[in-house]
């Protein structure tokens, strides 16, 4: 082991960085995508399909709420950590 590099701390930083840096934006994107499903043939009116105004069903809304709640909780936790330990 190299005394200059703390491998235990390094892998923790990498994991948290990947989760917060890529995971939260990806989860937010899943939530946005769940709110705006693609228009399928036979669903809604022709004008809604042409304008891209298809509405999300109850499952899509539930998925979006969960995704946004997790992202907001992570943001709140980050602020809490900064305020109390900074």
PDB file of N, CA and C in Angstrom:
ATOM      1  N   UNK A   1       0.827  -1.186   0.000  1.00  0.00           N
ATOM      2  CA  UNK A   1       0.000   0.000   0.000  1.00  0.00           C
ATOM      3  C   UNK A   1       0.868   1.244   0.000  1.00  0.00           C
ATOM      4  N   UNK A   2       0.416   2.202  -0.712  1.00  0.00           N
ATOM      5  CA  UNK A   2       1.117   3.465  -0.800  1.00  0.00           C
ATOM      6  C   UNK A   2       0.667   4.371   0.349  1.00  0.00           C
ATOM      7  N   UNK A   3       1.608   4.898   1.139  1.00  0.00           N
ATOM      8  CA  UNK A   3       1.201   5.767   2.256  1.00  0.00           C
ATOM      9  C   UNK A   3       0.645   7.116   1.783  1.00  0.00           C
ATOM     10  N   UNK A   4       0.836   7.438   0.535  1.00  0.00           N
ATOM     11  CA  UNK A   4       0.369   8.716   0.007  1.00  0.00           C
ATOM     12  C   UNK A   4      -1.095   8.663  -0.411  1.00  0.00           C
ATOM     13  N   UNK A   5      -1.601   7.483  -0.712  1.00  0.00           N
ATOM     14  CA  UNK A   5      -2.969   7.338  -1.217  1.00  0.00           C
ATOM     15  C   UNK A   5      -3.761   6.461  -0.249  1.00  0.00           C
ATOM     16  N   UNK A   6      -4.855   6.994   0.236  1.00  0.00           N
ATOM     17  CA  UNK A   6      -5.751   6.247   1.106  1.00  0.00           C
ATOM     18  C   UNK A   6      -6.811   5.601   0.201  1.00  0.00           C
ATOM     19  N   UNK A   7      -6.633   4.325  -0.107  1.00  0.00           N
ATOM     20  CA  UNK A   7      -7.533   3.641  -1.028  1.00  0.00           C
ATOM     21  C   UNK A   7      -8.944   3.514  -0.470  1.00  0.00           C
ATOM     22  N   UNK A   8      -9.081   3.390   0.828  1.00  0.00           N
ATOM     23  CA  UNK A   8     -10.410   3.296   1.427  1.00  0.00           C
ATOM     24  C   UNK A   8     -11.202   4.580   1.174  1.00  0.00           C
ATOM     25  N   UNK A   9     -10.569   5.712   1.389  1.00  0.00           N
ATOM     26  CA  UNK A   9     -11.239   6.991   1.145  1.00  0.00           C
ATOM     27  C   UNK A   9     -11.459   7.215  -0.341  1.00  0.00           C
ATOM     28  N   UNK A  10     -10.523   6.772  -1.172  1.00  0.00           N
ATOM     29  CA  UNK A  10     -10.625   6.978  -2.611  1.00  0.00           C
ATOM     30  C   UNK A  10     -11.830   6.275  -3.206  1.00  0.00           C
ATOM     31  N   UNK A  11     -12.080   5.007  -2.828  1.00  0.00           N
ATOM     32  CA  UNK A  11     -13.223   4.314  -3.413  1.00  0.00           C
ATOM     33  C   UNK A  11     -14.528   4.906  -2.918  1.00  0.00           C
ATOM     34  N   UNK A  12     -14.563   5.421  -1.665  1.00  0.00           N
ATOM     35  CA  UNK A  12     -15.774   6.070  -1.164  1.00  0.00           C
ATOM     36  C   UNK A  12     -16.071   7.342  -1.946  1.00  0.00           C
ATOM     37  N   UNK A  13     -15.042   8.102  -2.245  1.00  0.00           N
ATOM     38  CA  UNK A  13     -15.213   9.335  -3.018  1.00  0.00           C
ATOM     39  C   UNK A  13     -15.703   9.017  -4.423  1.00  0.00           C
ATOM     40  N   UNK A  14     -15.161   7.995  -5.025  1.00  0.00           N
ATOM     41  CA  UNK A  14     -15.574   7.623  -6.381  1.00  0.00           C
ATOM     42  C   UNK A  14     -17.029   7.158  -6.402  1.00  0.00           C
ATOM     43  N   UNK A  15     -17.425   6.335  -5.452  1.00  0.00           N
ATOM     44  CA  UNK A  15     -18.807   5.831  -5.417  1.00  0.00           C
ATOM     45  C   UNK A  15     -19.793   6.970  -5.182  1.00  0.00           C
ATOM     46  N   UNK A  16     -19.525   7.815  -4.215  1.00  0.00           N
ATOM     47  CA  UNK A  16     -20.433   8.930  -3.936  1.00  0.00           C
ATOM     48  C   UNK A  16     -20.456   9.897  -5.112  1.00  0.00           C
ATOM     49  N   UNK A  17     -19.321  10.132  -5.719  1.00  0.00           N
ATOM     50  CA  UNK A  17     -19.276  11.012  -6.886  1.00  0.00           C
ATOM     51  C   UNK A  17     -20.091  10.471  -8.049  1.00  0.00           C
ATOM     52  N   UNK A  18     -20.003   9.173  -8.288  1.00  0.00           N
ATOM     53  CA  UNK A  18     -20.796   8.589  -9.366  1.00  0.00           C
ATOM     54  C   UNK A  18     -22.286   8.636  -9.055  1.00  0.00           C
ATOM     55  N   UNK A  19     -22.645   8.316  -7.823  1.00  0.00           N
ATOM     56  CA  UNK A  19     -24.065   8.338  -7.454  1.00  0.00           C
ATOM     57  C   UNK A  19     -24.641   9.750  -7.515  1.00  0.00           C
ATOM     58  N   UNK A  20     -23.939  10.700  -6.939  1.00  0.00           N
ATOM     59  CA  UNK A  20     -24.452  12.067  -6.902  1.00  0.00           C
ATOM     60  C   UNK A  20     -24.251  12.783  -8.233  1.00  0.00           C
ATOM     61  N   UNK A  21     -23.149  12.509  -8.880  1.00  0.00           N
ATOM     62  CA  UNK A  21     -22.831  13.226 -10.113  1.00  0.00           C
ATOM     63  C   UNK A  21     -23.541  12.708 -11.338  1.00  0.00           C
ATOM     64  N   UNK A  22     -23.804  11.421 -11.391  1.00  0.00           N
ATOM     65  CA  UNK A  22     -24.481  10.850 -12.546  1.00  0.00           C
ATOM     66  C   UNK A  22     -25.820  10.236 -12.165  1.00  0.00           C
ATOM     67  N   UNK A  23     -25.919   9.697 -10.969  1.00  0.00           N
ATOM     68  CA  UNK A  23     -27.133   8.997 -10.565  1.00  0.00           C
ATOM     69  C   UNK A  23     -28.319   9.917 -10.351  1.00  0.00           C
ATOM     70  N   UNK A  24     -28.127  11.028  -9.644  1.00  0.00           N
ATOM     71  CA  UNK A  24     -29.240  11.936  -9.389  1.00  0.00           C
ATOM     72  C   UNK A  24     -29.750  12.609 -10.654  1.00  0.00           C
ATOM     73  N   UNK A  25     -28.899  13.117 -11.528  1.00  0.00           N
ATOM     74  CA  UNK A  25     -29.438  13.656 -12.785  1.00  0.00           C
ATOM     75  C   UNK A  25     -30.133  12.594 -13.636  1.00  0.00           C
ATOM     76  N   UNK A  26     -29.625  11.379 -13.622  1.00  0.00           N
ATOM     77  CA  UNK A  26     -30.285  10.303 -14.374  1.00  0.00           C
ATOM     78  C   UNK A  26     -31.641   9.983 -13.762  1.00  0.00           C
ATOM     79  N   UNK A  27     -31.733   9.971 -12.447  1.00  0.00           N
ATOM     80  CA  UNK A  27     -33.009   9.722 -11.786  1.00  0.00           C
ATOM     81  C   UNK A  27     -34.001  10.845 -12.070  1.00  0.00           C
ATOM     82  N   UNK A  28     -33.524  12.074 -12.093  1.00  0.00           N
ATOM     83  CA  UNK A  28     -34.382  13.206 -12.449  1.00  0.00           C
ATOM     84  C   UNK A  28     -34.889  13.053 -13.880  1.00  0.00           C
ATOM     85  N   UNK A  29     -34.019  12.629 -14.783  1.00  0.00           N
ATOM     86  CA  UNK A  29     -34.425  12.423 -16.180  1.00  0.00           C
ATOM     87  C   UNK A  29     -35.475  11.326 -16.301  1.00  0.00           C
ATOM     88  N   UNK A  30     -35.349  10.280 -15.494  1.00  0.00           N
ATOM     89  CA  UNK A  30     -36.366   9.220 -15.491  1.00  0.00           C
ATOM     90  C   UNK A  30     -37.703   9.787 -15.030  1.00  0.00           C
ATOM     91  N   UNK A  31     -37.688  10.648 -14.030  1.00  0.00           N
ATOM     92  CA  UNK A  31     -38.920  11.275 -13.559  1.00  0.00           C
ATOM     93  C   UNK A  31     -39.567  12.153 -14.609  1.00  0.00           C
ATOM     94  N   UNK A  32     -38.763  12.943 -15.301  1.00  0.00           N
ATOM     95  CA  UNK A  32     -39.296  13.795 -16.372  1.00  0.00           C
ATOM     96  C   UNK A  32     -39.854  12.936 -17.501  1.00  0.00           C
ATOM     97  N   UNK A  33     -39.147  11.866 -17.817  1.00  0.00           N
ATOM     98  CA  UNK A  33     -39.590  10.968 -18.886  1.00  0.00           C
ATOM     99  C   UNK A  33     -40.888  10.264 -18.507  1.00  0.00           C
ATOM    100  N   UNK A  34     -41.053   9.939 -17.234  1.00  0.00           N
ATOM    101  CA  UNK A  34     -42.277   9.283 -16.782  1.00  0.00           C
ATOM    102  C   UNK A  34     -43.484  10.210 -16.878  1.00  0.00           C
ATOM    103  N   UNK A  35     -43.250  11.520 -16.766  1.00  0.00           N
ATOM    104  CA  UNK A  35     -44.349  12.475 -16.886  1.00  0.00           C
ATOM    105  C   UNK A  35     -44.774  12.720 -18.328  1.00  0.00           C
ATOM    106  N   UNK A  36     -43.916  12.428 -19.275  1.00  0.00           N
ATOM    107  CA  UNK A  36     -44.212  12.724 -20.671  1.00  0.00           C
ATOM    108  C   UNK A  36     -43.997  11.480 -21.523  1.00  0.00           C
ATOM    109  N   UNK A  37     -44.939  10.544 -21.483  1.00  0.00           N
ATOM    110  CA  UNK A  37     -44.769   9.327 -22.276  1.00  0.00           C
ATOM    111  C   UNK A  37     -44.939   9.621 -23.757  1.00  0.00           C
ATOM    112  N   UNK A  38     -44.410   8.771 -24.614  1.00  0.00           N
ATOM    113  CA  UNK A  38     -44.572   9.003 -26.050  1.00  0.00           C
ATOM    114  C   UNK A  38     -46.020   8.792 -26.463  1.00  0.00           C
ATOM    115  N   UNK A  39     -46.465   9.577 -27.429  1.00  0.00           N
ATOM    116  CA  UNK A  39     -47.823   9.414 -27.948  1.00  0.00           C
ATOM    117  C   UNK A  39     -47.871   8.160 -28.806  1.00  0.00           C
ATOM    118  N   UNK A  40     -48.842   7.303 -28.536  1.00  0.00           N
ATOM    119  CA  UNK A  40     -48.994   6.074 -29.304  1.00  0.00           C
ATOM    120  C   UNK A  40     -50.235   6.174 -30.160  1.00  0.00           C
ATOM    121  N   UNK A  41     -50.251   5.425 -31.210  1.00  0.00           N
ATOM    122  CA  UNK A  41     -51.414   5.424 -32.099  1.00  0.00           C
ATOM    123  C   UNK A  41     -52.637   4.955 -31.335  1.00  0.00           C
ATOM    124  N   UNK A  42     -53.721   5.681 -31.474  1.00  0.00           N
ATOM    125  CA  UNK A  42     -54.968   5.308 -30.835  1.00  0.00           C
ATOM    126  C   UNK A  42     -55.155   5.870 -29.446  1.00  0.00           C
ATOM    127  N   UNK A  43     -54.163   6.566 -28.902  1.00  0.00           N
ATOM    128  CA  UNK A  43     -54.289   7.153 -27.571  1.00  0.00           C
ATOM    129  C   UNK A  43     -54.483   8.654 -27.705  1.00  0.00           C
ATOM    130  N   UNK A  44     -55.500   9.170 -27.081  1.00  0.00           N
ATOM    131  CA  UNK A  44     -55.769  10.598 -27.114  1.00  0.00           C
ATOM    132  C   UNK A  44     -56.291  11.024 -28.473  1.00  0.00           C
ATOM    133  N   UNK A  45     -56.408  12.318 -28.644  1.00  0.00           N
ATOM    134  CA  UNK A  45     -56.883  12.849 -29.924  1.00  0.00           C
ATOM    135  C   UNK A  45     -55.714  13.043 -30.867  1.00  0.00           C
ATOM    136  N   UNK A  46     -56.031  13.214 -32.128  1.00  0.00           N
ATOM    137  CA  UNK A  46     -54.980  13.418 -33.129  1.00  0.00           C
ATOM    138  C   UNK A  46     -54.225  14.722 -32.877  1.00  0.00           C
ATOM    139  N   UNK A  47     -54.945  15.734 -32.385  1.00  0.00           N
ATOM    140  CA  UNK A  47     -54.290  17.021 -32.114  1.00  0.00           C
ATOM    141  C   UNK A  47     -53.302  16.901 -30.956  1.00  0.00           C
ATOM    142  N   UNK A  48     -53.679  16.143 -29.917  1.00  0.00           N
ATOM    143  CA  UNK A  48     -52.766  15.957 -28.793  1.00  0.00           C
ATOM    144  C   UNK A  48     -51.524  15.192 -29.210  1.00  0.00           C
ATOM    145  N   UNK A  49     -51.704  14.168 -30.027  1.00  0.00           N
ATOM    146  CA  UNK A  49     -50.567  13.386 -30.499  1.00  0.00           C
ATOM    147  C   UNK A  49     -49.647  14.228 -31.364  1.00  0.00           C
ATOM    148  N   UNK A  50     -50.237  15.061 -32.212  1.00  0.00           N
ATOM    149  CA  UNK A  50     -49.421  15.908 -33.091  1.00  0.00           C
ATOM    150  C   UNK A  50     -48.661  16.957 -32.291  1.00  0.00           C
ATOM    151  N   UNK A  51     -49.286  17.473 -31.239  1.00  0.00           N
ATOM    152  CA  UNK A  51     -48.639  18.510 -30.434  1.00  0.00           C
ATOM    153  C   UNK A  51     -47.733  17.921 -29.365  1.00  0.00           C
ATOM    154  N   UNK A  52     -47.735  16.602 -29.194  1.00  0.00           N
ATOM    155  CA  UNK A  52     -46.896  15.974 -28.180  1.00  0.00           C
ATOM    156  C   UNK A  52     -47.410  16.183 -26.783  1.00  0.00           C
ATOM    157  N   UNK A  53     -48.717  16.353 -26.626  1.00  0.00           N
ATOM    158  CA  UNK A  53     -49.299  16.615 -25.315  1.00  0.00           C
ATOM    159  C   UNK A  53     -49.943  15.373 -24.718  1.00  0.00           C
ATOM    160  N   UNK A  54     -49.334  14.245 -24.863  1.00  0.00           N
ATOM    161  CA  UNK A  54     -49.863  13.035 -24.234  1.00  0.00           C
ATOM    162  C   UNK A  54     -49.672  13.157 -22.734  1.00  0.00           C
ATOM    163  N   UNK A  55     -50.653  12.722 -21.988  1.00  0.00           N
ATOM    164  CA  UNK A  55     -50.569  12.842 -20.538  1.00  0.00           C
ATOM    165  C   UNK A  55     -50.094  11.534 -19.922  1.00  0.00           C
ATOM    166  N   UNK A  56     -49.431  11.660 -18.809  1.00  0.00           N
ATOM    167  CA  UNK A  56     -48.930  10.480 -18.110  1.00  0.00           C
ATOM    168  C   UNK A  56     -50.075   9.823 -17.356  1.00  0.00           C
ATOM    169  N   UNK A  57     -50.049   8.535 -17.299  1.00  0.00           N
ATOM    170  CA  UNK A  57     -51.038   7.796 -16.524  1.00  0.00           C
ATOM    171  C   UNK A  57     -50.679   7.824 -15.053  1.00  0.00           C
ATOM    172  N   UNK A  58     -51.484   7.176 -14.227  1.00  0.00           N
ATOM    173  CA  UNK A  58     -51.208   7.184 -12.786  1.00  0.00           C
ATOM    174  C   UNK A  58     -49.876   6.526 -12.418  1.00  0.00           C
ATOM    175  N   UNK A  59     -49.496   5.487 -13.153  1.00  0.00           N
ATOM    176  CA  UNK A  59     -48.212   4.838 -12.869  1.00  0.00           C
ATOM    177  C   UNK A  59     -47.049   5.772 -13.200  1.00  0.00           C
ATOM    178  N   UNK A  60     -47.152   6.475 -14.320  1.00  0.00           N
ATOM    179  CA  UNK A  60     -46.103   7.424 -14.685  1.00  0.00           C
ATOM    180  C   UNK A  60     -45.967   8.540 -13.680  1.00  0.00           C
ATOM    181  N   UNK A  61     -47.102   9.034 -13.196  1.00  0.00           N
ATOM    182  CA  UNK A  61     -47.055  10.098 -12.174  1.00  0.00           C
ATOM    183  C   UNK A  61     -46.448   9.578 -10.877  1.00  0.00           C
ATOM    184  N   UNK A  62     -46.788   8.355 -10.503  1.00  0.00           N
ATOM    185  CA  UNK A  62     -46.238   7.785  -9.270  1.00  0.00           C
ATOM    186  C   UNK A  62     -44.723   7.602  -9.383  1.00  0.00           C
ATOM    187  N   UNK A  63     -44.271   7.113 -10.523  1.00  0.00           N
ATOM    188  CA  UNK A  63     -42.827   6.953 -10.746  1.00  0.00           C
ATOM    189  C   UNK A  63     -42.137   8.313 -10.687  1.00  0.00           C
ATOM    190  N   UNK A  64     -42.732   9.321 -11.311  1.00  0.00           N
ATOM    191  CA  UNK A  64     -42.141  10.661 -11.303  1.00  0.00           C
ATOM    192  C   UNK A  64     -42.076  11.230  -9.895  1.00  0.00           C
ATOM    193  N   UNK A  65     -43.132  11.045  -9.116  1.00  0.00           N
ATOM    194  CA  UNK A  65     -43.144  11.562  -7.742  1.00  0.00           C
ATOM    195  C   UNK A  65     -42.044  10.902  -6.921  1.00  0.00           C
ATOM    196  N   UNK A  66     -41.888   9.600  -7.054  1.00  0.00           N
ATOM    197  CA  UNK A  66     -40.845   8.896  -6.308  1.00  0.00           C
ATOM    198  C   UNK A  66     -39.456   9.385  -6.734  1.00  0.00           C
ATOM    199  N   UNK A  67     -39.239   9.515  -8.041  1.00  0.00           N
ATOM    200  CA  UNK A  67     -37.940   9.990  -8.532  1.00  0.00           C
ATOM    201  C   UNK A  67     -37.629  11.390  -8.016  1.00  0.00           C
ATOM    202  N   UNK A  68     -38.602  12.293  -8.111  1.00  0.00           N
ATOM    203  CA  UNK A  68     -38.369  13.660  -7.662  1.00  0.00           C
ATOM    204  C   UNK A  68     -38.198  13.719  -6.150  1.00  0.00           C
ATOM    205  N   UNK A  69     -38.907  12.878  -5.411  1.00  0.00           N
ATOM    206  CA  UNK A  69     -38.758  12.857  -3.953  1.00  0.00           C
ATOM    207  C   UNK A  69     -37.357  12.392  -3.557  1.00  0.00           C
ATOM    208  N   UNK A  70     -36.831  11.401  -4.243  1.00  0.00           N
ATOM    209  CA  UNK A  70     -35.477  10.924  -3.939  1.00  0.00           C
ATOM    210  C   UNK A  70     -34.452  12.008  -4.243  1.00  0.00           C
ATOM    211  N   UNK A  71     -34.615  12.697  -5.374  1.00  0.00           N
ATOM    212  CA  UNK A  71     -33.682  13.771  -5.732  1.00  0.00           C
ATOM    213  C   UNK A  71     -33.760  14.901  -4.703  1.00  0.00           C
ATOM    214  N   UNK A  72     -34.967  15.293  -4.318  1.00  0.00           N
ATOM    215  CA  UNK A  72     -35.108  16.354  -3.317  1.00  0.00           C
ATOM    216  C   UNK A  72     -34.546  15.927  -1.962  1.00  0.00           C
ATOM    217  N   UNK A  73     -34.739  14.678  -1.591  1.00  0.00           N
ATOM    218  CA  UNK A  73     -34.184  14.187  -0.327  1.00  0.00           C
ATOM    219  C   UNK A  73     -32.659  14.218  -0.362  1.00  0.00           C
ATOM    220  N   UNK A  74     -32.069  13.849  -1.489  1.00  0.00           N
ATOM    221  CA  UNK A  74     -30.609  13.892  -1.612  1.00  0.00           C
ATOM    222  C   UNK A  74     -30.094  15.328  -1.532  1.00  0.00           C
ATOM    223  N   UNK A  75     -30.805  16.246  -2.144  1.00  0.00           N
ATOM    224  CA  UNK A  75     -30.408  17.657  -2.069  1.00  0.00           C
ATOM    225  C   UNK A  75     -30.510  18.159  -0.632  1.00  0.00           C
ATOM    226  N   UNK A  76     -31.607  17.827   0.029  1.00  0.00           N
ATOM    227  CA  UNK A  76     -31.784  18.232   1.431  1.00  0.00           C
ATOM    228  C   UNK A  76     -30.733  17.636   2.329  1.00  0.00           C
ATOM    229  N   UNK A  77     -30.401  16.364   2.103  1.00  0.00           N
ATOM    230  CA  UNK A  77     -29.364  15.715   2.906  1.00  0.00           C
ATOM    231  C   UNK A  77     -28.010  16.386   2.686  1.00  0.00           C
ATOM    232  N   UNK A  78     -27.716  16.729   1.438  1.00  0.00           N
ATOM    233  CA  UNK A  78     -26.463  17.416   1.142  1.00  0.00           C
ATOM    234  C   UNK A  78     -26.363  18.763   1.824  1.00  0.00           C
ATOM    235  N   UNK A  79     -27.463  19.507   1.808  1.00  0.00           N
ATOM    236  CA  UNK A  79     -27.475  20.802   2.494  1.00  0.00           C
ATOM    237  C   UNK A  79     -27.314  20.615   3.998  1.00  0.00           C
ATOM    238  N   UNK A  80     -27.992  19.612   4.550  1.00  0.00           N
ATOM    239  CA  UNK A  80     -27.873  19.313   5.979  1.00  0.00           C
ATOM    240  C   UNK A  80     -26.427  18.997   6.358  1.00  0.00           C
ATOM    241  N   UNK A  81     -25.776  18.166   5.556  1.00  0.00           N
ATOM    242  CA  UNK A  81     -24.382  17.789   5.827  1.00  0.00           C
ATOM    243  C   UNK A  81     -23.474  19.019   5.775  1.00  0.00           C
ATOM    244  N   UNK A  82     -23.676  19.871   4.786  1.00  0.00           N
ATOM    245  CA  UNK A  82     -22.834  21.065   4.635  1.00  0.00           C
ATOM    246  C   UNK A  82     -23.041  22.019   5.804  1.00  0.00           C
ATOM    247  N   UNK A  83     -24.277  22.236   6.190  1.00  0.00           N
ATOM    248  CA  UNK A  83     -24.571  23.200   7.263  1.00  0.00           C
ATOM    249  C   UNK A  83     -24.076  22.697   8.612  1.00  0.00           C
ATOM    250  N   UNK A  84     -24.281  21.419   8.907  1.00  0.00           N
ATOM    251  CA  UNK A  84     -23.916  20.910  10.232  1.00  0.00           C
ATOM    252  C   UNK A  84     -22.466  20.504  10.383  1.00  0.00           C
ATOM    253  N   UNK A  85     -21.802  20.197   9.297  1.00  0.00           N
ATOM    254  CA  UNK A  85     -20.417  19.735   9.401  1.00  0.00           C
ATOM    255  C   UNK A  85     -19.429  20.672   8.719  1.00  0.00           C
ATOM    256  N   UNK A  86     -19.912  21.778   8.219  1.00  0.00           N
ATOM    257  CA  UNK A  86     -19.034  22.685   7.496  1.00  0.00           C
ATOM    258  C   UNK A  86     -18.470  23.694   8.378  1.00  0.00           C
TER     259      UNK A  86
END
